[in-house]
PDB file of N, CA and C in Angstrom:
ATOM      1  N   MET A   1      21.824  -9.719  11.337  1.00  0.00           N
ATOM      2  CA  MET A   1      21.262 -10.718  10.145  1.00  0.00           C
ATOM      3  C   MET A   1      19.819 -10.333  10.044  1.00  0.00           C
ATOM      4  N   ALA A   2      19.096  -9.780   8.726  1.00  0.00           N
ATOM      5  CA  ALA A   2      17.681  -9.646   8.539  1.00  0.00           C
ATOM      6  C   ALA A   2      16.909 -10.761   8.886  1.00  0.00           C
ATOM      7  N   THR A   3      15.931 -10.663   9.667  1.00  0.00           N
ATOM      8  CA  THR A   3      15.136 -11.725   9.593  1.00  0.00           C
ATOM      9  C   THR A   3      13.386 -11.106   8.858  1.00  0.00           C
ATOM     10  N   MET A   4      13.246 -12.397   8.357  1.00  0.00           N
ATOM     11  CA  MET A   4      12.021 -12.004   7.368  1.00  0.00           C
ATOM     12  C   MET A   4      10.684 -12.664   8.138  1.00  0.00           C
ATOM     13  N   GLY A   5       9.341 -12.190   8.317  1.00  0.00           N
ATOM     14  CA  GLY A   5       8.363 -12.854   8.886  1.00  0.00           C
ATOM     15  C   GLY A   5       7.269 -12.642   8.419  1.00  0.00           C
ATOM     16  N   LEU A   6       6.195 -13.748   7.926  1.00  0.00           N
ATOM     17  CA  LEU A   6       5.248 -14.069   7.609  1.00  0.00           C
ATOM     18  C   LEU A   6       3.813 -14.559   8.381  1.00  0.00           C
ATOM     19  N   LEU A   7       3.066 -13.430   8.111  1.00  0.00           N
ATOM     20  CA  LEU A   7       1.782 -14.105   8.413  1.00  0.00           C
ATOM     21  C   LEU A   7       0.561 -14.307   7.580  1.00  0.00           C
ATOM     22  N   THR A   8       0.122 -15.255   7.443  1.00  0.00           N
ATOM     23  CA  THR A   8      -0.809 -15.777   6.594  1.00  0.00           C
ATOM     24  C   THR A   8      -2.420 -15.745   7.136  1.00  0.00           C
ATOM     25  N   VAL A   9      -3.506 -15.343   6.777  1.00  0.00           N
ATOM     26  CA  VAL A   9      -4.594 -15.027   7.093  1.00  0.00           C
ATOM     27  C   VAL A   9      -5.844 -15.603   6.690  1.00  0.00           C
ATOM     28  N   ASP A  10      -6.650 -16.697   6.724  1.00  0.00           N
ATOM     29  CA  ASP A  10      -7.784 -16.715   6.195  1.00  0.00           C
ATOM     30  C   ASP A  10      -8.924 -16.027   7.180  1.00  0.00           C
ATOM     31  N   LEU A  11      -9.616 -15.506   6.183  1.00  0.00           N
ATOM     32  CA  LEU A  11     -10.789 -14.497   6.329  1.00  0.00           C
ATOM     33  C   LEU A  11     -12.366 -14.605   5.887  1.00  0.00           C
ATOM     34  N   GLN A  12     -13.109 -14.677   6.596  1.00  0.00           N
ATOM     35  CA  GLN A  12     -14.677 -15.171   6.172  1.00  0.00           C
ATOM     36  C   GLN A  12     -15.089 -13.483   6.235  1.00  0.00           C
ATOM     37  N   ILE A  13     -15.911 -13.119   5.207  1.00  0.00           N
ATOM     38  CA  ILE A  13     -16.670 -11.972   4.890  1.00  0.00           C
ATOM     39  C   ILE A  13     -17.851 -12.150   4.527  1.00  0.00           C
ATOM     40  N   HIS A  14     -18.646 -12.418   5.707  1.00  0.00           N
ATOM     41  CA  HIS A  14     -20.008 -12.577   5.829  1.00  0.00           C
ATOM     42  C   HIS A  14     -20.858 -11.648   5.126  1.00  0.00           C
ATOM     43  N   GLU A  15     -20.481 -10.338   5.059  1.00  0.00           N
ATOM     44  CA  GLU A  15     -21.431  -9.280   4.370  1.00  0.00           C
ATOM     45  C   GLU A  15     -21.170  -9.101   3.125  1.00  0.00           C
ATOM     46  N   SER A  16     -20.325  -9.846   2.473  1.00  0.00           N
ATOM     47  CA  SER A  16     -20.156  -9.832   0.810  1.00  0.00           C
ATOM     48  C   SER A  16     -21.272 -10.551   0.169  1.00  0.00           C
ATOM     49  N   ALA A  17     -21.608  -9.778  -0.855  1.00  0.00           N
ATOM     50  CA  ALA A  17     -22.737 -10.192  -1.803  1.00  0.00           C
ATOM     51  C   ALA A  17     -22.069 -10.508  -2.994  1.00  0.00           C
ATOM     52  N   SER A  18     -21.018  -9.913  -3.336  1.00  0.00           N
ATOM     53  CA  SER A  18     -20.340  -9.965  -4.725  1.00  0.00           C
ATOM     54  C   SER A  18     -18.821  -9.723  -4.475  1.00  0.00           C
ATOM     55  N   LEU A  19     -18.150  -9.851  -5.654  1.00  0.00           N
ATOM     56  CA  LEU A  19     -16.635  -9.800  -5.802  1.00  0.00           C
ATOM     57  C   LEU A  19     -16.109  -8.197  -5.519  1.00  0.00           C
ATOM     58  N   LYS A  20     -16.935  -7.099  -5.959  1.00  0.00           N
ATOM     59  CA  LYS A  20     -16.846  -5.843  -5.609  1.00  0.00           C
ATOM     60  C   LYS A  20     -16.913  -5.443  -4.091  1.00  0.00           C
ATOM     61  N   ALA A  21     -17.663  -5.887  -3.616  1.00  0.00           N
ATOM     62  CA  ALA A  21     -18.125  -5.722  -2.057  1.00  0.00           C
ATOM     63  C   ALA A  21     -17.051  -6.653  -1.306  1.00  0.00           C
ATOM     64  N   LYS A  22     -16.432  -7.638  -1.852  1.00  0.00           N
ATOM     65  CA  LYS A  22     -15.441  -8.490  -1.288  1.00  0.00           C
ATOM     66  C   LYS A  22     -14.002  -7.330  -1.214  1.00  0.00           C
ATOM     67  N   ARG A  23     -14.086  -6.965  -2.610  1.00  0.00           N
ATOM     68  CA  ARG A  23     -12.523  -6.177  -2.914  1.00  0.00           C
ATOM     69  C   ARG A  23     -12.862  -5.015  -2.063  1.00  0.00           C
ATOM     70  N   ARG A  24     -13.691  -4.273  -1.902  1.00  0.00           N
ATOM     71  CA  ARG A  24     -13.803  -2.900  -0.715  1.00  0.00           C
ATOM     72  C   ARG A  24     -13.395  -3.265   0.789  1.00  0.00           C
ATOM     73  N   VAL A  25     -13.796  -4.489   1.217  1.00  0.00           N
ATOM     74  CA  VAL A  25     -13.254  -4.794   2.213  1.00  0.00           C
ATOM     75  C   VAL A  25     -11.931  -5.188   2.384  1.00  0.00           C
ATOM     76  N   VAL A  26     -11.557  -6.248   1.398  1.00  0.00           N
ATOM     77  CA  VAL A  26      -9.973  -6.488   1.452  1.00  0.00           C
ATOM     78  C   VAL A  26      -9.026  -5.375   1.336  1.00  0.00           C
ATOM     79  N   GLN A  27      -9.589  -4.419   0.418  1.00  0.00           N
ATOM     80  CA  GLN A  27      -8.845  -3.130  -0.055  1.00  0.00           C
ATOM     81  C   GLN A  27      -8.645  -2.589   1.525  1.00  0.00           C
ATOM     82  N   SER A  28      -9.586  -2.131   2.191  1.00  0.00           N
ATOM     83  CA  SER A  28      -9.737  -1.834   3.431  1.00  0.00           C
ATOM     84  C   SER A  28      -8.664  -2.061   4.698  1.00  0.00           C
ATOM     85  N   ILE A  29      -8.940  -3.277   4.535  1.00  0.00           N
ATOM     86  CA  ILE A  29      -8.094  -4.205   5.666  1.00  0.00           C
ATOM     87  C   ILE A  29      -6.548  -3.767   5.070  1.00  0.00           C
ATOM     88  N   THR A  30      -6.269  -4.310   4.027  1.00  0.00           N
ATOM     89  CA  THR A  30      -5.081  -4.220   3.403  1.00  0.00           C
ATOM     90  C   THR A  30      -4.180  -2.639   3.667  1.00  0.00           C
ATOM     91  N   SER A  31      -5.151  -1.779   3.372  1.00  0.00           N
ATOM     92  CA  SER A  31      -4.074   0.025   3.375  1.00  0.00           C
ATOM     93  C   SER A  31      -4.229  -0.091   4.750  1.00  0.00           C
ATOM     94  N   ARG A  32      -5.121  -0.469   5.728  1.00  0.00           N
ATOM     95  CA  ARG A  32      -4.981   0.332   6.958  1.00  0.00           C
ATOM     96  C   ARG A  32      -4.036  -0.890   7.628  1.00  0.00           C
ATOM     97  N   LEU A  33      -3.609  -1.928   7.307  1.00  0.00           N
ATOM     98  CA  LEU A  33      -2.421  -2.334   7.848  1.00  0.00           C
ATOM     99  C   LEU A  33      -1.158  -2.021   7.228  1.00  0.00           C
ATOM    100  N   ARG A  34      -1.182  -1.711   6.122  1.00  0.00           N
ATOM    101  CA  ARG A  34       0.287  -1.015   5.229  1.00  0.00           C
ATOM    102  C   ARG A  34       0.486   0.079   6.246  1.00  0.00           C
ATOM    103  N   GLN A  35      -0.562   1.158   6.589  1.00  0.00           N
ATOM    104  CA  GLN A  35      -0.265   2.133   7.236  1.00  0.00           C
ATOM    105  C   GLN A  35       0.309   2.551   8.668  1.00  0.00           C
ATOM    106  N   ARG A  36      -0.552   1.320   9.143  1.00  0.00           N
ATOM    107  CA  ARG A  36      -0.411   1.194  10.637  1.00  0.00           C
ATOM    108  C   ARG A  36       1.159   0.786  10.888  1.00  0.00           C
ATOM    109  N   PHE A  37       1.486  -0.318  10.013  1.00  0.00           N
ATOM    110  CA  PHE A  37       2.457  -1.414  10.713  1.00  0.00           C
ATOM    111  C   PHE A  37       3.614  -1.247   9.536  1.00  0.00           C
ATOM    112  N   ASN A  38       3.624  -0.519   8.498  1.00  0.00           N
ATOM    113  CA  ASN A  38       4.536  -0.374   7.613  1.00  0.00           C
ATOM    114  C   ASN A  38       4.965  -1.723   7.075  1.00  0.00           C
ATOM    115  N   VAL A  39       4.244  -2.439   6.477  1.00  0.00           N
ATOM    116  CA  VAL A  39       4.419  -4.293   6.334  1.00  0.00           C
ATOM    117  C   VAL A  39       3.867  -3.949   4.571  1.00  0.00           C
ATOM    118  N   SER A  40       4.301  -5.089   4.002  1.00  0.00           N
ATOM    119  CA  SER A  40       3.857  -5.456   2.831  1.00  0.00           C
ATOM    120  C   SER A  40       2.538  -6.352   2.871  1.00  0.00           C
ATOM    121  N   VAL A  41       1.553  -6.282   2.242  1.00  0.00           N
ATOM    122  CA  VAL A  41       0.368  -6.928   2.186  1.00  0.00           C
ATOM    123  C   VAL A  41      -0.456  -7.586   1.018  1.00  0.00           C
ATOM    124  N   ALA A  42      -0.621  -8.667   0.762  1.00  0.00           N
ATOM    125  CA  ALA A  42      -1.410  -8.825  -0.553  1.00  0.00           C
ATOM    126  C   ALA A  42      -2.214 -10.112  -0.211  1.00  0.00           C
ATOM    127  N   GLU A  43      -3.256  -9.938  -1.114  1.00  0.00           N
ATOM    128  CA  GLU A  43      -4.541 -11.194  -1.286  1.00  0.00           C
ATOM    129  C   GLU A  43      -3.783 -12.082  -1.992  1.00  0.00           C
ATOM    130  N   LEU A  44      -3.901 -13.066  -1.421  1.00  0.00           N
ATOM    131  CA  LEU A  44      -3.274 -14.500  -1.889  1.00  0.00           C
ATOM    132  C   LEU A  44      -3.703 -15.417  -2.698  1.00  0.00           C
ATOM    133  N   ASP A  45      -5.065 -15.582  -2.241  1.00  0.00           N
ATOM    134  CA  ASP A  45      -5.580 -16.812  -2.566  1.00  0.00           C
ATOM    135  C   ASP A  45      -7.261 -16.390  -3.017  1.00  0.00           C
ATOM    136  N   PHE A  46      -8.097 -17.328  -3.285  1.00  0.00           N
ATOM    137  CA  PHE A  46      -9.537 -17.150  -3.241  1.00  0.00           C
ATOM    138  C   PHE A  46      -9.992 -16.055  -3.834  1.00  0.00           C
ATOM    139  N   GLN A  47      -9.384 -15.376  -4.923  1.00  0.00           N
ATOM    140  CA  GLN A  47      -9.961 -14.197  -5.540  1.00  0.00           C
ATOM    141  C   GLN A  47     -10.963 -14.520  -6.228  1.00  0.00           C
ATOM    142  N   ASP A  48     -11.508 -15.482  -6.721  1.00  0.00           N
ATOM    143  CA  ASP A  48     -12.885 -15.613  -7.084  1.00  0.00           C
ATOM    144  C   ASP A  48     -13.729 -15.821  -6.205  1.00  0.00           C
ATOM    145  N   LYS A  49     -13.695 -16.083  -5.280  1.00  0.00           N
ATOM    146  CA  LYS A  49     -14.848 -16.230  -4.152  1.00  0.00           C
ATOM    147  C   LYS A  49     -15.263 -14.994  -3.574  1.00  0.00           C
ATOM    148  N   TRP A  50     -16.581 -15.029  -3.354  1.00  0.00           N
ATOM    149  CA  TRP A  50     -17.478 -13.761  -2.813  1.00  0.00           C
ATOM    150  C   TRP A  50     -17.060 -13.628  -1.030  1.00  0.00           C
ATOM    151  N   GLN A  51     -17.013 -14.568  -0.488  1.00  0.00           N
ATOM    152  CA  GLN A  51     -16.769 -14.308   0.994  1.00  0.00           C
ATOM    153  C   GLN A  51     -15.742 -15.102   1.916  1.00  0.00           C
ATOM    154  N   ILE A  52     -14.550 -15.313   0.956  1.00  0.00           N
ATOM    155  CA  ILE A  52     -13.464 -15.821   1.636  1.00  0.00           C
ATOM    156  C   ILE A  52     -12.240 -15.183   1.159  1.00  0.00           C
ATOM    157  N   CYS A  53     -11.305 -15.274   1.822  1.00  0.00           N
ATOM    158  CA  CYS A  53     -10.051 -14.341   1.781  1.00  0.00           C
ATOM    159  C   CYS A  53      -8.801 -14.900   2.160  1.00  0.00           C
ATOM    160  N   ARG A  54      -7.498 -15.144   1.684  1.00  0.00           N
ATOM    161  CA  ARG A  54      -6.627 -15.201   2.208  1.00  0.00           C
ATOM    162  C   ARG A  54      -5.523 -14.087   1.969  1.00  0.00           C
ATOM    163  N   ILE A  55      -5.065 -13.672   3.141  1.00  0.00           N
ATOM    164  CA  ILE A  55      -4.042 -12.184   2.779  1.00  0.00           C
ATOM    165  C   ILE A  55      -2.689 -12.392   3.205  1.00  0.00           C
ATOM    166  N   GLY A  56      -1.523 -12.102   2.875  1.00  0.00           N
ATOM    167  CA  GLY A  56      -0.323 -12.366   3.431  1.00  0.00           C
ATOM    168  C   GLY A  56       0.167 -11.045   3.854  1.00  0.00           C
ATOM    169  N   VAL A  57       0.887 -11.305   5.163  1.00  0.00           N
ATOM    170  CA  VAL A  57       1.735  -9.577   5.659  1.00  0.00           C
ATOM    171  C   VAL A  57       3.030 -10.166   5.911  1.00  0.00           C
ATOM    172  N   GLY A  58       3.837  -9.339   5.167  1.00  0.00           N
ATOM    173  CA  GLY A  58       5.093  -9.487   5.171  1.00  0.00           C
ATOM    174  C   GLY A  58       6.244  -8.323   5.766  1.00  0.00           C
ATOM    175  N   ALA A  59       7.186  -8.708   6.625  1.00  0.00           N
ATOM    176  CA  ALA A  59       7.602  -7.464   7.105  1.00  0.00           C
ATOM    177  C   ALA A  59       9.267  -8.429   7.476  1.00  0.00           C
ATOM    178  N   VAL A  60      10.136  -7.493   7.469  1.00  0.00           N
ATOM    179  CA  VAL A  60      11.541  -7.365   7.572  1.00  0.00           C
ATOM    180  C   VAL A  60      12.275  -6.531   8.607  1.00  0.00           C
ATOM    181  N   ALA A  61      13.044  -7.334   9.575  1.00  0.00           N
ATOM    182  CA  ALA A  61      13.543  -6.892  10.826  1.00  0.00           C
ATOM    183  C   ALA A  61      14.846  -7.377  11.217  1.00  0.00           C
ATOM    184  N   ASN A  62      15.401  -6.787  11.952  1.00  0.00           N
ATOM    185  CA  ASN A  62      16.705  -7.622  12.598  1.00  0.00           C
ATOM    186  C   ASN A  62      16.502  -8.602  13.830  1.00  0.00           C
ATOM    187  N   ASP A  63      15.351  -8.347  14.286  1.00  0.00           N
ATOM    188  CA  ASP A  63      14.991  -9.473  15.384  1.00  0.00           C
ATOM    189  C   ASP A  63      13.626  -9.917  15.279  1.00  0.00           C
ATOM    190  N   GLY A  64      14.054 -11.323  15.166  1.00  0.00           N
ATOM    191  CA  GLY A  64      12.916 -12.494  15.217  1.00  0.00           C
ATOM    192  C   GLY A  64      11.612 -12.009  16.194  1.00  0.00           C
ATOM    193  N   ARG A  65      12.147 -11.515  17.510  1.00  0.00           N
ATOM    194  CA  ARG A  65      10.736 -11.479  18.447  1.00  0.00           C
ATOM    195  C   ARG A  65       9.989 -10.383  18.275  1.00  0.00           C
ATOM    196  N   PHE A  66      10.765  -8.988  17.516  1.00  0.00           N
ATOM    197  CA  PHE A  66       9.994  -8.001  17.346  1.00  0.00           C
ATOM    198  C   PHE A  66       9.300  -8.368  16.005  1.00  0.00           C
ATOM    199  N   LEU A  67       9.635  -9.167  15.081  1.00  0.00           N
ATOM    200  CA  LEU A  67       8.846  -9.447  14.156  1.00  0.00           C
ATOM    201  C   LEU A  67       7.733  -9.889  14.480  1.00  0.00           C
ATOM    202  N   ASP A  68       7.485 -11.211  15.135  1.00  0.00           N
ATOM    203  CA  ASP A  68       6.339 -11.874  15.695  1.00  0.00           C
ATOM    204  C   ASP A  68       5.456 -11.141  16.473  1.00  0.00           C
ATOM    205  N   SER A  69       6.152 -10.149  17.397  1.00  0.00           N
ATOM    206  CA  SER A  69       5.121  -9.230  18.038  1.00  0.00           C
ATOM    207  C   SER A  69       4.467  -8.406  17.087  1.00  0.00           C
ATOM    208  N   GLN A  70       5.054  -7.680  15.915  1.00  0.00           N
ATOM    209  CA  GLN A  70       4.460  -7.021  15.163  1.00  0.00           C
ATOM    210  C   GLN A  70       3.488  -7.660  14.494  1.00  0.00           C
ATOM    211  N   LEU A  71       3.771  -8.928  13.916  1.00  0.00           N
ATOM    212  CA  LEU A  71       2.582  -9.756  13.577  1.00  0.00           C
ATOM    213  C   LEU A  71       1.449 -10.096  13.844  1.00  0.00           C
ATOM    214  N   ARG A  72       1.535 -10.363  15.572  1.00  0.00           N
ATOM    215  CA  ARG A  72       0.400 -10.806  16.325  1.00  0.00           C
ATOM    216  C   ARG A  72      -0.277  -9.309  16.549  1.00  0.00           C
ATOM    217  N   LYS A  73       0.202  -8.444  16.714  1.00  0.00           N
ATOM    218  CA  LYS A  73      -0.375  -7.032  16.643  1.00  0.00           C
ATOM    219  C   LYS A  73      -1.161  -6.870  15.358  1.00  0.00           C
ATOM    220  N   ALA A  74      -0.434  -7.032  14.407  1.00  0.00           N
ATOM    221  CA  ALA A  74      -1.056  -6.916  13.130  1.00  0.00           C
ATOM    222  C   ALA A  74      -2.607  -7.836  13.087  1.00  0.00           C
ATOM    223  N   LEU A  75      -2.370  -9.211  13.144  1.00  0.00           N
ATOM    224  CA  LEU A  75      -3.521 -10.074  13.416  1.00  0.00           C
ATOM    225  C   LEU A  75      -4.583  -9.485  14.458  1.00  0.00           C
ATOM    226  N   ASP A  76      -4.094  -8.981  15.495  1.00  0.00           N
ATOM    227  CA  ASP A  76      -5.272  -8.362  16.562  1.00  0.00           C
ATOM    228  C   ASP A  76      -6.180  -6.876  16.051  1.00  0.00           C
ATOM    229  N   ALA A  77      -5.405  -6.162  15.164  1.00  0.00           N
ATOM    230  CA  ALA A  77      -5.514  -5.257  14.492  1.00  0.00           C
ATOM    231  C   ALA A  77      -7.087  -5.537  13.550  1.00  0.00           C
ATOM    232  N   ILE A  78      -6.259  -6.887  12.657  1.00  0.00           N
ATOM    233  CA  ILE A  78      -7.771  -7.140  11.476  1.00  0.00           C
ATOM    234  C   ILE A  78      -8.865  -7.485  12.574  1.00  0.00           C
ATOM    235  N   GLU A  79      -8.664  -8.314  13.562  1.00  0.00           N
ATOM    236  CA  GLU A  79      -9.818  -8.413  14.402  1.00  0.00           C
ATOM    237  C   GLU A  79     -10.316  -7.715  15.067  1.00  0.00           C
ATOM    238  N   ARG A  80      -9.828  -6.718  15.148  1.00  0.00           N
ATOM    239  CA  ARG A  80     -10.585  -5.477  15.895  1.00  0.00           C
ATOM    240  C   ARG A  80     -11.315  -4.305  14.535  1.00  0.00           C
ATOM    241  N   MET A  81     -10.840  -4.787  13.327  1.00  0.00           N
ATOM    242  CA  MET A  81     -11.414  -3.968  12.518  1.00  0.00           C
ATOM    243  C   MET A  81     -13.036  -4.591  12.287  1.00  0.00           C
ATOM    244  N   GLY A  82     -13.260  -5.411  12.785  1.00  0.00           N
ATOM    245  CA  GLY A  82     -14.830  -6.006  12.553  1.00  0.00           C
ATOM    246  C   GLY A  82     -15.001  -6.122  11.035  1.00  0.00           C
ATOM    247  N   LEU A  83     -14.514  -6.216  10.306  1.00  0.00           N
ATOM    248  CA  LEU A  83     -14.680  -6.343   8.434  1.00  0.00           C
ATOM    249  C   LEU A  83     -14.786  -7.801   8.374  1.00  0.00           C
ATOM    250  N   ALA A  84     -14.405  -8.554   8.991  1.00  0.00           N
ATOM    251  CA  ALA A  84     -14.061 -10.045   8.445  1.00  0.00           C
ATOM    252  C   ALA A  84     -13.773 -10.893   9.715  1.00  0.00           C
ATOM    253  N   VAL A  85     -14.116 -12.153   9.598  1.00  0.00           N
ATOM    254  CA  VAL A  85     -13.997 -13.277  10.822  1.00  0.00           C
ATOM    255  C   VAL A  85     -12.661 -14.138  10.373  1.00  0.00           C
ATOM    256  N   ILE A  86     -11.611 -13.915  11.509  1.00  0.00           N
ATOM    257  CA  ILE A  86     -10.517 -14.675  11.101  1.00  0.00           C
ATOM    258  C   ILE A  86     -10.709 -16.210  11.363  1.00  0.00           C
ATOM    259  N   THR A  87     -10.621 -17.168  10.449  1.00  0.00           N
ATOM    260  CA  THR A  87     -10.698 -18.433  10.237  1.00  0.00           C
ATOM    261  C   THR A  87      -9.621 -19.253  10.679  1.00  0.00           C
ATOM    262  N   ASP A  88      -8.336 -18.739  10.057  1.00  0.00           N
ATOM    263  CA  ASP A  88      -7.103 -19.530  10.407  1.00  0.00           C
ATOM    264  C   ASP A  88      -5.894 -18.435  10.389  1.00  0.00           C
ATOM    265  N   PHE A  89      -4.921 -18.446  10.834  1.00  0.00           N
ATOM    266  CA  PHE A  89      -3.407 -17.734  10.592  1.00  0.00           C
ATOM    267  C   PHE A  89      -2.532 -18.626  10.811  1.00  0.00           C
ATOM    268  N   THR A  90      -1.456 -18.368   9.973  1.00  0.00           N
ATOM    269  CA  THR A  90      -0.115 -19.075  10.684  1.00  0.00           C
ATOM    270  C   THR A  90       0.869 -17.876  10.557  1.00  0.00           C
ATOM    271  N   ILE A  91       1.952 -17.972  11.564  1.00  0.00           N
ATOM    272  CA  ILE A  91       3.052 -17.032  11.728  1.00  0.00           C
ATOM    273  C   ILE A  91       4.358 -17.886  11.091  1.00  0.00           C
ATOM    274  N   GLU A  92       4.989 -17.211  10.533  1.00  0.00           N
ATOM    275  CA  GLU A  92       6.362 -17.909  10.161  1.00  0.00           C
ATOM    276  C   GLU A  92       7.599 -16.618  10.135  1.00  0.00           C
ATOM    277  N   ILE A  93       8.600 -16.942  10.964  1.00  0.00           N
ATOM    278  CA  ILE A  93       9.774 -16.393  11.290  1.00  0.00           C
ATOM    279  C   ILE A  93      10.806 -17.109  10.698  1.00  0.00           C
ATOM    280  N   LEU A  94      11.208 -16.707   9.315  1.00  0.00           N
ATOM    281  CA  LEU A  94      12.480 -17.078   8.431  1.00  0.00           C
ATOM    282  C   LEU A  94      13.787 -16.253   8.825  1.00  0.00           C
TER     283      LEU A  94
END
């Protein structure tokens, strides 16, 4: 049976001084995650704020442990990119 995983991440983008600068950072993060982990990624909230962002990362697989592992690796990748600071996150396996 298919299992779905969702990672929700709140980010602080200190370097951003405009919505255009923020979009550039968010676009970089989301495209890297899509390429590396073959996941769906979208900006979920705070689109009108300059320095904060919430993104969602979704994936489907037949093993919940594999999904949890992949989403944690995606979270680590966001942190290693150094483009934003993770302020909060949740992982849900459904």
